[in-house]
Protein backbone atom coordinates (compact mmCIF):
# COMPACT_ATOMS: atom_id res chain seq x y z
CA MET A 1 -2.30 17.07 -13.77
CA LYS A 2 0.61 14.85 -12.77
CA THR A 3 -0.06 11.11 -12.49
CA ILE A 4 0.16 9.00 -9.34
CA PHE A 5 0.13 5.19 -9.29
CA SER A 6 -0.18 3.01 -6.21
CA GLY A 7 -0.74 -0.72 -5.76
CA ILE A 8 -1.74 -2.67 -2.66
CA GLN A 9 -1.68 -6.47 -2.41
CA PRO A 10 -4.95 -8.22 -1.47
CA SER A 11 -3.27 -10.42 1.11
CA GLY A 12 -5.33 -9.88 4.25
CA THR A 13 -7.38 -7.01 5.59
CA ILE A 14 -5.93 -3.51 5.46
CA THR A 15 -4.44 -2.37 8.76
CA LEU A 16 -4.62 0.98 10.50
CA GLY A 17 -0.99 1.38 9.40
CA ASN A 18 -1.97 0.95 5.73
CA TYR A 19 -4.78 3.47 6.21
CA ILE A 20 -2.59 6.13 7.86
CA GLY A 21 0.50 5.50 5.74
CA ALA A 22 -1.27 5.24 2.39
CA MET A 23 -5.03 5.25 1.94
CA LYS A 24 -5.80 8.34 4.05
CA GLN A 25 -3.35 10.28 1.90
CA PHE A 26 -4.78 8.86 -1.34
CA VAL A 27 -8.10 10.52 -0.56
CA GLU A 28 -6.36 13.91 -0.43
CA LEU A 29 -4.10 13.22 -3.44
CA GLN A 30 -6.99 12.39 -5.78
CA ASN A 31 -8.01 16.06 -5.74
CA GLU A 32 -4.61 17.20 -7.04
CA TYR A 33 -3.43 14.34 -9.23
CA ASN A 34 -4.54 11.90 -11.92
CA CYS A 35 -4.61 8.79 -9.69
CA TYR A 36 -4.48 5.08 -10.54
CA PHE A 37 -5.14 2.77 -7.59
CA CYS A 38 -4.47 -0.87 -8.39
CA ILE A 39 -5.26 -4.05 -6.47
CA VAL A 40 -2.11 -5.98 -7.35
CA ASP A 41 -3.39 -9.55 -7.18
CA GLN A 42 -0.67 -10.86 -9.51
CA HIS A 43 1.92 -9.79 -6.93
CA ALA A 44 0.00 -11.68 -4.25
CA ILE A 45 0.55 -15.05 -5.97
CA THR A 46 4.34 -14.82 -5.69
CA VAL A 47 3.73 -16.64 -2.39
CA PRO A 48 1.13 -19.42 -1.86
CA GLN A 49 -2.49 -18.21 -1.63
CA ASP A 50 -5.80 -19.90 -0.95
CA ARG A 51 -7.89 -19.36 -4.11
CA LEU A 52 -11.18 -18.56 -2.36
CA GLU A 53 -9.50 -16.37 0.26
CA LEU A 54 -7.67 -14.40 -2.44
CA ARG A 55 -10.91 -13.73 -4.35
CA LYS A 56 -12.57 -12.56 -1.14
CA ASN A 57 -9.61 -10.31 -0.27
CA ILE A 58 -9.59 -8.70 -3.74
CA ARG A 59 -13.23 -7.67 -3.46
CA SER A 60 -12.80 -6.63 0.17
CA LEU A 61 -9.82 -4.40 -0.64
CA ALA A 62 -11.74 -2.74 -3.48
CA ALA A 63 -14.62 -2.00 -1.10
CA LEU A 64 -12.20 -0.53 1.47
CA TYR A 65 -10.65 1.77 -1.14
CA LEU A 66 -14.10 3.24 -1.79
CA ALA A 67 -15.13 3.19 1.87
CA VAL A 68 -12.16 5.33 2.96
CA GLY A 69 -13.11 7.96 0.38
CA ILE A 70 -11.61 7.09 -3.01
CA ASP A 71 -13.95 8.65 -5.59
CA PRO A 72 -14.23 6.68 -8.87
CA GLU A 73 -15.13 9.94 -10.64
CA LYS A 74 -11.72 11.35 -9.69
CA SER A 75 -9.56 8.20 -9.56
CA THR A 76 -9.17 4.96 -11.52
CA LEU A 77 -9.60 1.90 -9.29
CA PHE A 78 -8.96 -1.49 -10.90
CA ILE A 79 -7.69 -5.05 -10.43
CA GLN A 80 -4.25 -5.77 -11.91
CA SER A 81 -5.09 -9.17 -13.43
CA GLU A 82 -8.06 -7.64 -15.29
CA VAL A 83 -5.62 -5.51 -17.32
CA PRO A 84 -3.44 -8.05 -19.23
CA ALA A 85 -1.00 -5.28 -20.25
CA HIS A 86 0.56 -5.54 -16.77
CA ALA A 87 1.74 -9.11 -17.35
CA GLN A 88 2.84 -8.29 -20.92
CA ALA A 89 4.86 -5.27 -19.81
CA GLY A 90 6.16 -7.19 -16.79
CA TRP A 91 7.78 -9.77 -19.08
CA MET A 92 9.46 -7.08 -21.18
CA MET A 93 10.78 -5.40 -18.02
CA GLN A 94 12.12 -8.77 -16.80
CA CYS A 95 14.11 -8.94 -20.02
CA VAL A 96 15.91 -5.68 -19.20
CA SER A 97 16.48 -6.69 -15.54
CA TYR A 98 19.59 -8.44 -14.22
CA ILE A 99 19.45 -11.42 -11.86
CA GLY A 100 22.07 -9.87 -9.56
CA GLU A 101 20.04 -6.72 -8.93
CA LEU A 102 16.88 -8.76 -8.27
CA GLU A 103 18.70 -10.99 -5.77
CA ARG A 104 19.83 -7.89 -3.88
CA MET A 105 16.24 -6.78 -3.18
CA THR A 106 15.71 -6.71 0.59
CA GLN A 107 12.13 -8.01 0.37
CA PHE A 108 13.24 -11.01 -1.69
CA LYS A 109 15.88 -11.83 0.92
CA ASP A 110 13.35 -11.45 3.76
CA LYS A 111 10.59 -13.51 2.15
CA SER A 112 12.89 -16.28 0.89
CA GLU A 113 14.91 -16.67 4.09
CA GLY A 114 14.63 -20.14 5.59
CA LYS A 115 12.37 -21.45 2.80
CA ASP A 116 13.15 -24.79 1.11
CA ALA A 117 11.92 -23.40 -2.20
CA VAL A 118 10.69 -20.02 -3.45
CA SER A 119 8.84 -19.21 -6.65
CA ALA A 120 10.63 -17.52 -9.54
CA GLY A 121 7.87 -14.90 -9.30
CA LEU A 122 9.14 -13.82 -5.89
CA LEU A 123 12.50 -13.01 -7.46
CA THR A 124 11.09 -11.32 -10.56
CA TYR A 125 8.18 -9.36 -9.14
CA PRO A 126 10.13 -6.04 -8.99
CA PRO A 127 10.09 -5.82 -12.84
CA LEU A 128 6.32 -6.43 -12.74
CA MET A 129 6.03 -3.67 -10.15
CA ALA A 130 8.09 -1.45 -12.48
CA ALA A 131 5.70 -2.28 -15.32
CA ASP A 132 2.68 -1.42 -13.17
CA ILE A 133 4.10 2.05 -12.60
CA LEU A 134 5.57 2.76 -16.04
CA LEU A 135 2.44 1.77 -18.00
CA TYR A 136 0.65 4.93 -16.85
CA SER A 137 3.49 7.46 -17.39
CA THR A 138 3.53 7.85 -13.63
CA ASP A 139 5.17 10.95 -12.20
CA LEU A 140 4.93 10.09 -8.47
CA VAL A 141 4.62 6.88 -6.48
CA PRO A 142 3.55 7.24 -2.83
CA VAL A 143 5.37 4.52 -0.88
CA GLY A 144 6.59 3.62 2.58
CA GLU A 145 10.28 3.59 3.40
CA ASP A 146 10.38 -0.20 2.86
CA GLN A 147 9.49 0.21 -0.83
CA LYS A 148 12.12 2.82 -1.69
CA GLN A 149 14.54 0.19 -2.99
CA HIS A 150 11.94 -1.12 -5.45
CA LEU A 151 11.25 2.39 -6.71
CA GLU A 152 14.94 2.97 -7.25
CA LEU A 153 15.05 -0.22 -9.33
CA THR A 154 11.98 0.96 -11.30
CA ARG A 155 13.79 4.20 -12.13
CA ASP A 156 16.93 2.25 -13.17
CA LEU A 157 14.92 -0.09 -15.42
CA ALA A 158 13.04 2.80 -17.04
CA GLU A 159 16.28 4.67 -17.75
CA ARG A 160 17.90 1.47 -19.08
CA PHE A 161 14.96 0.81 -21.42
CA ASN A 162 14.85 4.43 -22.62
CA LYS A 163 18.58 4.40 -23.38
CA LYS A 164 18.65 0.96 -25.04
CA TYR A 165 15.42 1.08 -27.07
CA ASN A 166 13.43 4.30 -27.18
CA ASP A 167 12.76 7.19 -24.82
CA ILE A 168 9.13 6.28 -23.97
CA PHE A 169 9.02 6.06 -20.17
CA THR A 170 8.49 8.84 -17.66
CA ILE A 171 11.00 8.41 -14.80
CA PRO A 172 8.87 8.31 -11.65
CA ASP A 173 9.75 10.04 -8.40
CA VAL A 174 9.19 8.61 -4.93
CA ARG A 175 6.69 10.36 -2.67
CA ILE A 176 7.13 9.52 1.02
CA ALA A 177 4.76 11.10 3.50
CA LYS A 178 6.44 13.32 6.08
CA VAL A 179 4.12 12.11 8.87
CA GLY A 180 2.63 8.68 9.45
CA ALA A 181 4.41 6.91 6.59
CA ARG A 182 5.56 4.19 8.95
CA VAL A 183 3.12 3.13 11.67
CA MET A 184 4.79 0.62 13.95
CA SER A 185 3.63 -2.67 15.45
CA LEU A 186 1.67 -2.42 18.71
CA GLN A 187 3.72 -5.30 20.14
CA ASP A 188 7.14 -4.44 18.73
CA PRO A 189 7.41 -0.67 18.12
CA LEU A 190 10.74 -1.12 16.33
CA LYS A 191 8.97 -3.07 13.56
CA LYS A 192 6.45 -1.81 10.99
CA MET A 193 2.78 -2.67 11.56
CA SER A 194 1.97 -5.49 9.13
CA LYS A 195 -1.16 -7.46 8.27
CA SER A 196 1.05 -10.54 7.75
CA ASP A 197 2.33 -10.46 11.35
CA PRO A 198 1.43 -13.81 13.00
CA ASN A 199 0.73 -11.95 16.27
CA LYS A 200 -2.78 -10.52 15.72
CA LYS A 201 -2.33 -8.16 18.70
CA SER A 202 0.40 -6.32 16.79
CA PHE A 203 -1.94 -4.64 14.31
CA ILE A 204 -5.42 -3.12 14.12
CA SER A 205 -7.44 -4.15 11.09
CA LEU A 206 -9.87 -1.70 9.52
CA LEU A 207 -12.53 -4.38 10.06
CA ASP A 208 -11.82 -5.01 13.77
CA ASP A 209 -14.82 -4.44 16.03
CA PRO A 210 -14.65 -1.90 18.92
CA LYS A 211 -13.92 -4.56 21.55
CA GLN A 212 -11.01 -5.95 19.53
CA ILE A 213 -9.61 -2.43 19.04
CA GLU A 214 -9.85 -1.61 22.76
CA LYS A 215 -8.19 -4.90 23.67
CA LYS A 216 -5.31 -4.48 21.20
CA ILE A 217 -4.58 -0.89 22.24
CA LYS A 218 -4.81 -1.83 25.93
CA SER A 219 -2.16 -4.52 25.40
CA ALA A 220 0.08 -2.27 23.25
CA VAL A 221 3.71 -2.15 24.41
CA THR A 222 4.71 1.06 26.22
CA ASP A 223 7.31 1.31 29.02
CA SER A 224 7.51 1.50 32.81
CA GLU A 225 7.85 5.30 33.01
CA GLY A 226 4.13 6.07 32.88
CA ILE A 227 4.60 9.48 31.21
CA VAL A 228 2.79 10.30 27.94
CA LYS A 229 5.64 11.94 26.04
CA TYR A 230 6.99 11.73 22.50
CA ASP A 231 10.55 10.40 22.46
CA LYS A 232 11.06 8.08 19.53
CA GLU A 233 14.46 6.83 20.64
CA ASN A 234 13.78 6.15 24.33
CA LYS A 235 9.98 5.65 24.24
CA PRO A 236 9.23 4.04 20.84
CA GLY A 237 5.96 2.38 21.97
CA VAL A 238 4.42 5.54 23.45
CA SER A 239 5.72 7.63 20.53
CA ASN A 240 4.05 5.29 18.03
CA LEU A 241 0.71 5.55 19.87
CA LEU A 242 1.05 9.34 20.07
CA SER A 243 1.65 9.52 16.30
CA ILE A 244 -1.48 7.46 15.61
CA TYR A 245 -3.52 9.61 18.04
CA SER A 246 -2.25 12.84 16.45
CA ILE A 247 -2.87 11.84 12.83
CA LEU A 248 -6.38 10.48 13.45
CA SER A 249 -7.56 13.23 15.81
CA GLY A 250 -5.93 16.17 14.04
CA LYS A 251 -4.45 17.30 17.37
CA SER A 252 -0.76 18.12 17.68
CA VAL A 253 1.43 15.73 19.68
CA ALA A 254 2.22 18.62 22.09
CA ASN A 255 -1.50 19.15 22.81
CA ILE A 256 -2.08 15.44 23.40
CA GLU A 257 0.88 15.35 25.79
CA LYS A 258 -0.69 18.29 27.65
CA ASP A 259 -4.10 16.55 27.77
CA TYR A 260 -2.56 13.52 29.50
CA GLU A 261 -0.12 15.34 31.76
CA GLY A 262 -0.25 13.69 35.17
CA LYS A 263 -2.36 10.81 33.85
CA GLY A 264 -1.22 7.24 33.24
CA TYR A 265 -1.10 5.05 30.16
CA GLY A 266 -4.52 3.57 30.99
CA ASP A 267 -6.30 6.89 30.37
CA PHE A 268 -4.15 7.60 27.32
CA LYS A 269 -4.89 4.22 25.74
CA ALA A 270 -8.63 4.56 26.45
CA GLY A 271 -8.61 7.95 24.70
CA LEU A 272 -6.68 6.54 21.74
CA ALA A 273 -9.08 3.59 21.43
CA GLU A 274 -12.01 6.02 21.23
CA VAL A 275 -10.29 8.04 18.50
CA VAL A 276 -9.50 4.88 16.47
CA ILE A 277 -13.05 3.50 16.83
CA ASN A 278 -14.60 6.83 15.78
CA THR A 279 -12.32 6.90 12.71
CA ILE A 280 -13.02 3.32 11.64
CA LYS A 281 -16.79 3.13 12.27
CA PRO A 282 -17.95 5.19 9.22
CA ILE A 283 -15.45 3.32 7.02
CA GLN A 284 -16.87 -0.03 8.15
CA ASP A 285 -20.49 1.12 7.62
CA LYS A 286 -19.72 2.11 4.01
CA TYR A 287 -17.65 -1.05 3.46
CA TYR A 288 -20.45 -3.47 4.42
CA GLU A 289 -22.92 -1.52 2.28
CA LEU A 290 -20.58 -1.77 -0.76
CA MET A 291 -19.88 -5.49 -0.28
CA GLU A 292 -23.58 -6.20 -0.86
CA SER A 293 -24.01 -3.82 -3.81
CA GLN A 294 -23.63 -3.89 -7.58
CA GLU A 295 -21.93 -0.50 -7.32
CA LEU A 296 -18.61 -2.12 -6.37
CA ASP A 297 -18.53 -4.29 -9.52
CA ASP A 298 -19.59 -1.38 -11.71
CA VAL A 299 -16.72 0.74 -10.36
CA LEU A 300 -14.19 -2.07 -10.97
CA ASP A 301 -15.51 -2.75 -14.50
CA HIS A 302 -15.25 0.95 -15.38
CA GLY A 303 -11.78 1.22 -13.79
CA ALA A 304 -10.46 -1.78 -15.74
CA ASP A 305 -11.78 -0.32 -19.02
CA LYS A 306 -10.07 3.03 -18.36
CA ALA A 307 -6.80 1.38 -17.29
CA ARG A 308 -6.75 -0.99 -20.29
CA LYS A 309 -6.98 1.88 -22.79
CA VAL A 310 -3.98 3.66 -21.30
CA ALA A 311 -1.91 0.54 -20.57
CA ASN A 312 -2.46 -1.02 -24.01
CA LYS A 313 -1.08 2.10 -25.70
CA MET A 314 2.11 1.90 -23.65
CA VAL A 315 2.51 -1.84 -24.31
CA GLY A 316 2.26 -1.05 -28.04
CA LYS A 317 5.04 1.52 -27.67
CA MET A 318 7.18 -0.98 -25.72
CA GLU A 319 6.70 -3.74 -28.30
CA ASN A 320 7.51 -1.35 -31.16
CA ALA A 321 10.62 -0.17 -29.33
CA MET A 322 11.84 -3.76 -28.77
CA GLY A 323 10.92 -4.95 -32.27
CA LEU A 324 8.22 -7.41 -31.20
CA GLY A 325 5.50 -8.56 -33.58
CA ARG A 326 4.73 -6.64 -36.77
CA LYS A 327 5.37 -2.91 -36.97
CA ARG A 328 2.33 -0.96 -35.83
CA LYS A 329 1.05 1.85 -38.00
């Protein structure tokens, strides 16, 4: 089986966009691939975090992974900071990275813009991300369009290391979903849905209650035409809602358009809200059950043990290749 690695930051509750663009696909991928799903809490601290909030978010994200259908018998679910090899490998990857290429990263530019000071970690987290991926001899990394640049850097760093030291890394390929990889904001359909958006109406959280979901969809930006039709260029708001409806309901966009022919956006949004609520309800039920159980901690303990065994072997290879420490037998 080929190996897949994916990491999500525990910086706020997962959105519907994260679910459609990533987690929903992970459930299907775990049947075909050797999957590592990592809660990348060390990436989260590249920007200021509240200690108690971060701890809560880590546990919450782990519960959501399981609640959406990740099976710990098929996949390895673990917390990044509980596998020290990530930080060790991250430092070695920093040492083969160049400042110029890190400064060119779009996300660094976006997150540092207008700030009086930014942490060095914000600049150097792409090499840590590369380490996360390379530790597990990853073949494929499922990412959104916004992460493609980081994956290209990961490939460059792996090739650079292999050429300079020893050919130990698998060069990972990017896997971008054909449908639903980029769910857009409900308030600005030209911008990706994000849990860090200050406007709470712009995204649906997987833990929103039915009333909140109805309210957010009702206030979602559309247009003045009043026709339910997919046209990404001229009707980005309606097209985004149609995509969400199609992916969650399993109906084709053409069939949904037919269902709402001659009806207004009010009926369409009410139907979409029902579909979203029906999708999220079983996830929430499982989530709250897991948050109160020992099962969640058992899964994370087991996942960390499995990940450590694999990651420690690769760190040993990296250190040998670079001449660190004493030669391993």
